[in-house]
N, C-alpha and C. Protein backbone atom coordinates (compact mmCIF):
# COMPACT_ATOMS: atom_id res chain seq x y z
N UNK A 1 0.86 -1.17 0.00
CA UNK A 1 0.00 0.00 0.00
C UNK A 1 0.90 1.24 0.00
N UNK A 2 0.58 2.21 -0.81
CA UNK A 2 1.41 3.43 -0.85
C UNK A 2 1.28 4.25 0.44
N UNK A 3 2.22 5.16 0.62
CA UNK A 3 2.27 5.95 1.85
C UNK A 3 1.01 6.78 2.05
N UNK A 4 0.42 7.29 0.99
CA UNK A 4 -0.77 8.12 1.14
C UNK A 4 -1.99 7.29 1.52
N UNK A 5 -1.98 6.02 1.23
CA UNK A 5 -3.05 5.13 1.72
C UNK A 5 -2.99 5.00 3.23
N UNK A 6 -1.77 4.80 3.75
CA UNK A 6 -1.60 4.72 5.20
C UNK A 6 -1.95 6.05 5.86
N UNK A 7 -1.56 7.13 5.22
CA UNK A 7 -1.88 8.46 5.76
C UNK A 7 -3.39 8.66 5.85
N UNK A 8 -4.10 8.26 4.81
CA UNK A 8 -5.55 8.37 4.81
C UNK A 8 -6.17 7.52 5.92
N UNK A 9 -5.65 6.31 6.11
CA UNK A 9 -6.19 5.44 7.16
C UNK A 9 -5.94 6.01 8.55
N UNK A 10 -4.75 6.57 8.76
CA UNK A 10 -4.43 7.17 10.06
C UNK A 10 -5.31 8.38 10.31
N UNK A 11 -5.53 9.21 9.30
CA UNK A 11 -6.39 10.39 9.47
C UNK A 11 -7.84 9.99 9.74
N UNK A 12 -8.32 8.97 9.06
CA UNK A 12 -9.69 8.51 9.29
C UNK A 12 -9.84 7.95 10.70
N UNK A 13 -8.88 7.14 11.13
CA UNK A 13 -8.94 6.57 12.47
C UNK A 13 -8.84 7.67 13.53
N UNK A 14 -7.97 8.63 13.30
CA UNK A 14 -7.84 9.76 14.23
C UNK A 14 -9.12 10.57 14.31
N UNK A 15 -9.78 10.74 13.19
CA UNK A 15 -11.04 11.48 13.17
C UNK A 15 -12.11 10.74 13.96
N UNK A 16 -12.18 9.45 13.79
CA UNK A 16 -13.18 8.65 14.52
C UNK A 16 -12.91 8.68 16.02
N UNK A 17 -11.67 8.46 16.40
CA UNK A 17 -11.32 8.45 17.83
C UNK A 17 -11.54 9.84 18.44
N UNK A 18 -11.16 10.89 17.72
CA UNK A 18 -11.38 12.25 18.23
C UNK A 18 -12.85 12.56 18.42
N UNK A 19 -13.68 12.12 17.49
CA UNK A 19 -15.12 12.36 17.61
C UNK A 19 -15.70 11.61 18.80
N UNK A 20 -15.24 10.37 19.01
CA UNK A 20 -15.73 9.60 20.16
C UNK A 20 -15.30 10.23 21.48
N UNK A 21 -14.08 10.76 21.53
CA UNK A 21 -13.63 11.42 22.75
C UNK A 21 -14.42 12.69 23.02
N UNK A 22 -14.73 13.46 21.99
CA UNK A 22 -15.56 14.66 22.17
C UNK A 22 -16.96 14.30 22.63
N UNK A 23 -17.51 13.24 22.07
CA UNK A 23 -18.84 12.79 22.47
C UNK A 23 -18.84 12.38 23.93
N UNK A 24 -17.80 11.66 24.37
CA UNK A 24 -17.70 11.24 25.76
C UNK A 24 -17.59 12.44 26.69
N UNK A 25 -16.79 13.43 26.31
CA UNK A 25 -16.60 14.61 27.16
C UNK A 25 -17.87 15.44 27.28
N UNK A 26 -18.68 15.49 26.24
CA UNK A 26 -19.88 16.32 26.23
C UNK A 26 -21.14 15.56 26.63
N UNK A 27 -21.02 14.30 27.00
CA UNK A 27 -22.20 13.47 27.25
C UNK A 27 -23.04 13.99 28.41
N UNK A 28 -22.44 14.50 29.45
CA UNK A 28 -23.21 14.92 30.62
C UNK A 28 -23.47 16.40 30.68
N UNK A 29 -23.13 17.15 29.66
CA UNK A 29 -23.20 18.61 29.75
C UNK A 29 -24.52 19.21 29.28
N UNK A 30 -25.40 18.42 28.69
CA UNK A 30 -26.66 19.00 28.21
C UNK A 30 -27.76 18.74 29.24
N UNK A 31 -27.83 19.62 30.19
CA UNK A 31 -28.81 19.53 31.27
C UNK A 31 -30.14 20.11 30.80
N UNK A 32 -31.22 19.55 31.33
CA UNK A 32 -32.55 20.02 30.98
C UNK A 32 -33.00 20.99 32.07
N UNK A 33 -33.54 22.12 31.66
CA UNK A 33 -33.97 23.12 32.64
C UNK A 33 -35.20 22.60 33.39
N UNK A 34 -35.42 23.08 34.60
CA UNK A 34 -36.57 22.63 35.38
C UNK A 34 -37.91 22.93 34.69
N UNK A 35 -37.99 24.04 33.96
CA UNK A 35 -39.22 24.38 33.26
C UNK A 35 -39.52 23.35 32.18
N UNK A 36 -38.50 22.98 31.42
CA UNK A 36 -38.68 22.00 30.36
C UNK A 36 -39.04 20.65 30.94
N UNK A 37 -38.41 20.28 32.03
CA UNK A 37 -38.70 19.01 32.68
C UNK A 37 -40.14 18.98 33.18
N UNK A 38 -40.62 20.10 33.72
CA UNK A 38 -42.01 20.18 34.18
C UNK A 38 -42.98 20.03 33.00
N UNK A 39 -42.66 20.67 31.88
CA UNK A 39 -43.51 20.56 30.69
C UNK A 39 -43.57 19.13 30.18
N UNK A 40 -42.43 18.45 30.18
CA UNK A 40 -42.38 17.07 29.69
C UNK A 40 -43.21 16.17 30.60
N UNK A 41 -43.08 16.34 31.91
CA UNK A 41 -43.85 15.51 32.84
C UNK A 41 -45.34 15.79 32.73
N UNK A 42 -45.71 17.05 32.52
CA UNK A 42 -47.12 17.38 32.35
C UNK A 42 -47.68 16.76 31.08
N UNK A 43 -46.91 16.83 30.02
CA UNK A 43 -47.35 16.24 28.74
C UNK A 43 -47.45 14.72 28.86
N UNK A 44 -46.52 14.11 29.57
CA UNK A 44 -46.57 12.66 29.77
C UNK A 44 -47.81 12.26 30.56
N UNK A 45 -48.14 13.02 31.60
CA UNK A 45 -49.34 12.74 32.38
C UNK A 45 -50.59 12.91 31.52
N UNK A 46 -50.59 13.92 30.66
CA UNK A 46 -51.73 14.15 29.78
C UNK A 46 -51.90 12.98 28.80
N UNK A 47 -50.80 12.51 28.24
CA UNK A 47 -50.87 11.39 27.31
C UNK A 47 -51.35 10.12 28.00
N UNK A 48 -50.88 9.89 29.22
CA UNK A 48 -51.34 8.71 29.97
C UNK A 48 -52.83 8.79 30.25
N UNK A 49 -53.31 9.98 30.56
CA UNK A 49 -54.74 10.16 30.81
C UNK A 49 -55.54 9.91 29.54
N UNK A 50 -55.04 10.40 28.41
CA UNK A 50 -55.73 10.17 27.14
C UNK A 50 -55.73 8.69 26.77
N UNK A 51 -54.64 7.99 27.02
CA UNK A 51 -54.58 6.56 26.72
C UNK A 51 -55.54 5.78 27.62
N UNK A 52 -55.62 6.18 28.89
CA UNK A 52 -56.56 5.51 29.80
C UNK A 52 -58.00 5.75 29.35
N UNK A 53 -58.27 6.95 28.86
CA UNK A 53 -59.62 7.28 28.36
C UNK A 53 -59.95 6.43 27.14
N UNK A 54 -58.98 6.25 26.25
CA UNK A 54 -59.22 5.44 25.05
C UNK A 54 -59.40 3.97 25.39
N UNK A 55 -58.72 3.48 26.41
CA UNK A 55 -58.85 2.09 26.80
C UNK A 55 -60.22 1.80 27.40
N UNK A 56 -60.84 2.79 28.00
CA UNK A 56 -62.16 2.61 28.61
C UNK A 56 -63.24 2.44 27.55
N UNK A 57 -63.01 2.96 26.37
CA UNK A 57 -64.02 2.90 25.29
C UNK A 57 -64.14 1.54 24.71
């Protein structure tokens, strides 16, 4: 294999490993605000109530 083939493979592997390391570092940094969490829980309760209503029919 020519030298530029090896260079391409090393760059591709480095790109993949670098992306995985960035993903690992940023995994816990996207916190959900309390307002958004309250909205999600309210919507979930609403959907459960609607599903229970449909099951009664």
